[in-house]
Amino acid sequence: MRLVLTRHGGLAAITRPPLVVETDDLSRAEAEPIEALARTVAARYRDEPHVGAENSNIRDQFGYSLAIGQGDESEVTVTFQHPSVPKDIKELVATLRVASAAGQE
């Protein structure tokens, strides 16, 4: 499974490279919880991929896109705004950040 988290917006719209996690590159112990969370998020937001509304009172708000590639199945992309991120997406993003940081060591 391939997961790509892209951040956009924010102060002066400074961009960073996307965070990419390939679960095939992880151990099964690391990959299984990520894949389970990703399948849950993909299923929940497949038909409603825009989560949360942009808050016009927050200047330089960050927005995110999370693409979940599930092998033979079609890719699901979910977009969301900080700070209105649902708990399941927050958990998946945090897990992806930990996996990405561990892979860079």
Protein backbone atom coordinates (compact mmCIF):
# COMPACT_ATOMS: atom_id res chain seq x y z
CA MET A 1 0.00 0.00 0.00
CA ARG A 2 1.28 3.46 -0.88
CA LEU A 3 0.27 6.49 1.19
CA VAL A 4 1.15 10.05 0.23
CA LEU A 5 0.49 12.99 2.56
CA THR A 6 0.82 16.44 0.97
CA ARG A 7 0.56 19.71 2.89
CA HIS A 8 -0.50 22.92 1.17
CA GLY A 9 -1.27 26.48 2.21
CA GLY A 10 0.06 28.02 5.38
CA LEU A 11 2.35 31.00 5.75
CA ALA A 12 3.32 32.20 2.27
CA ALA A 13 2.16 28.83 0.94
CA ILE A 14 5.60 27.32 1.60
CA THR A 15 5.54 23.76 0.36
CA ARG A 16 7.36 20.70 1.60
CA PRO A 17 7.93 17.48 -0.26
CA PRO A 18 5.12 15.01 0.35
CA LEU A 19 5.49 12.36 3.03
CA VAL A 20 5.44 9.00 1.25
CA VAL A 21 5.11 5.64 2.99
CA GLU A 22 5.24 2.36 1.09
CA THR A 23 4.03 -0.34 3.45
CA ASP A 24 5.89 -2.96 1.38
CA ASP A 25 9.10 -1.33 2.66
CA LEU A 26 8.08 -1.85 6.31
CA SER A 27 8.07 -4.92 8.48
CA ARG A 28 4.71 -6.68 8.73
CA ALA A 29 4.46 -5.55 12.37
CA GLU A 30 4.82 -1.91 11.25
CA ALA A 31 2.75 -2.23 8.07
CA GLU A 32 -0.35 -4.01 9.42
CA PRO A 33 -1.63 -1.24 11.73
CA ILE A 34 -0.98 1.41 9.06
CA GLU A 35 -2.82 -0.62 6.42
CA ALA A 36 -5.74 -1.27 8.76
CA LEU A 37 -6.09 2.44 9.58
CA ALA A 38 -5.71 3.37 5.91
CA ARG A 39 -8.41 0.91 4.83
CA THR A 40 -10.75 2.34 7.48
CA VAL A 41 -10.10 5.93 6.40
CA ALA A 42 -10.42 5.05 2.69
CA ALA A 43 -13.72 3.25 3.24
CA ARG A 44 -15.14 6.01 5.44
CA TYR A 45 -14.26 8.92 3.16
CA ARG A 46 -14.38 7.29 -0.30
CA ASP A 47 -17.73 8.93 -1.12
CA GLU A 48 -17.09 12.15 0.81
CA PRO A 49 -13.40 12.94 0.27
CA HIS A 50 -13.45 16.55 1.56
CA VAL A 51 -13.36 16.51 5.35
CA GLY A 52 -14.00 19.62 7.43
CA ALA A 53 -14.51 23.14 6.20
CA GLU A 54 -11.90 25.78 5.73
CA ASN A 55 -12.09 28.32 8.56
CA SER A 56 -11.85 31.85 7.16
CA ASN A 57 -10.97 33.14 10.65
CA ILE A 58 -7.67 31.26 10.61
CA ARG A 59 -5.08 32.98 8.46
CA ASP A 60 -2.55 30.86 6.64
CA GLN A 61 -4.45 27.67 7.38
CA PHE A 62 -2.84 24.39 6.36
CA GLY A 63 -4.69 21.96 4.15
CA TYR A 64 -3.73 18.38 3.48
CA SER A 65 -4.32 15.69 0.89
CA LEU A 66 -3.87 12.05 1.79
CA ALA A 67 -3.73 9.63 -1.14
CA ILE A 68 -4.23 5.98 -0.24
CA GLY A 69 -3.23 3.54 -2.98
CA GLN A 70 -4.55 0.07 -2.27
CA GLY A 71 -2.80 -2.06 -4.87
CA ASP A 72 -5.29 -3.33 -7.43
CA GLU A 73 -8.05 -1.16 -6.02
CA SER A 74 -8.41 2.47 -7.06
CA GLU A 75 -6.69 5.20 -5.12
CA VAL A 76 -8.70 7.21 -2.60
CA THR A 77 -7.68 10.80 -1.89
CA VAL A 78 -8.99 12.57 1.18
CA THR A 79 -8.53 16.31 1.69
CA PHE A 80 -8.83 18.02 5.05
CA GLN A 81 -8.05 21.28 6.83
CA HIS A 82 -6.13 21.83 10.02
CA PRO A 83 -7.38 22.08 12.78
CA SER A 84 -10.66 20.32 11.91
CA VAL A 85 -9.19 16.84 11.35
CA PRO A 86 -11.22 13.80 12.41
CA LYS A 87 -9.67 11.47 14.97
CA ASP A 88 -9.17 8.53 12.58
CA ILE A 89 -7.27 10.69 10.10
CA LYS A 90 -5.16 12.25 12.89
CA GLU A 91 -4.22 8.78 14.07
CA LEU A 92 -3.26 7.64 10.56
CA VAL A 93 -1.21 10.80 9.89
CA ALA A 94 0.64 10.44 13.21
CA THR A 95 1.39 6.79 12.44
CA LEU A 96 2.65 7.71 8.96
CA ARG A 97 4.96 10.39 10.39
CA VAL A 98 6.46 7.90 12.84
CA ALA A 99 6.94 5.29 10.09
CA SER A 100 8.50 7.88 7.78
CA ALA A 101 10.90 9.13 10.46
CA ALA A 102 11.91 5.56 11.33
CA GLY A 103 12.59 4.84 7.66
CA GLN A 104 14.96 7.81 7.43
CA GLU A 105 17.21 6.65 10.25
